[in-house]
Structures are given as C-alpha cells and as structure tokens.
Amino acid sequence: MNTTFALVLTVFLVSGEPVDMVTGVYGSMKECMAAAAEQ
C-alpha cells in the first residue's frame, strides 16, 4: 500500500464560511512539509 500526503489549506470566505482546498498531493511527508513552508 502506498502512502500519499495532501496539503490542505482552509480558506474563510467573506461570508465566514470555511472552505478546504487541496493545494497538492505529495509522495512523502518531507515534500509536503517543504510545500507547506513555501505557502
């Protein structure tokens, strides 16, 4: 079984509603953490 990691950002709309957005899918936790640091 392969493991993947998704970077998810929660954005709050002007109406106050939260929306989760997947910004990327990565093959390792290290890659995902590096992308999170860039965000």
Protein backbone atom coordinates (compact mmCIF):
# COMPACT_ATOMS: atom_id res chain seq x y z
CA MET A 1 0.00 0.00 0.00
CA ASN A 2 1.37 3.42 -0.99
CA THR A 3 1.09 6.43 1.28
CA THR A 4 0.44 9.92 -0.08
CA PHE A 5 0.22 13.26 1.67
CA ALA A 6 -2.10 16.12 0.76
CA LEU A 7 -1.52 19.76 1.61
CA VAL A 8 -4.89 21.26 2.54
CA LEU A 9 -5.49 24.95 3.22
CA THR A 10 -8.62 26.21 4.95
CA VAL A 11 -9.85 29.47 3.43
CA PHE A 12 -12.56 31.58 5.04
CA LEU A 13 -14.90 33.30 2.59
CA VAL A 14 -16.24 36.82 3.12
CA SER A 15 -19.47 35.21 4.32
CA GLY A 16 -17.50 33.47 7.09
CA GLU A 17 -17.88 30.01 5.58
CA PRO A 18 -14.72 27.86 5.72
CA VAL A 19 -13.66 26.01 2.56
CA ASP A 20 -10.91 23.36 2.48
CA MET A 21 -8.72 23.48 -0.64
CA VAL A 22 -6.26 20.73 -1.60
CA THR A 23 -3.21 22.55 -2.99
CA GLY A 24 -1.11 19.49 -3.77
CA VAL A 25 -0.55 15.77 -3.32
CA TYR A 26 2.94 14.53 -2.43
CA GLY A 27 4.70 11.19 -2.24
CA SER A 28 6.47 11.89 1.04
CA MET A 29 5.88 13.85 4.20
CA LYS A 30 9.14 15.75 3.64
CA GLU A 31 7.93 17.05 0.25
CA CYS A 32 4.58 18.01 1.75
CA MET A 33 6.21 19.88 4.65
CA ALA A 34 8.50 21.75 2.23
CA ALA A 35 5.49 22.83 0.17
CA ALA A 36 3.69 23.93 3.35
CA ALA A 37 6.68 26.10 4.30
CA GLU A 38 6.52 27.77 0.87
CA GLN A 39 2.82 28.53 1.29
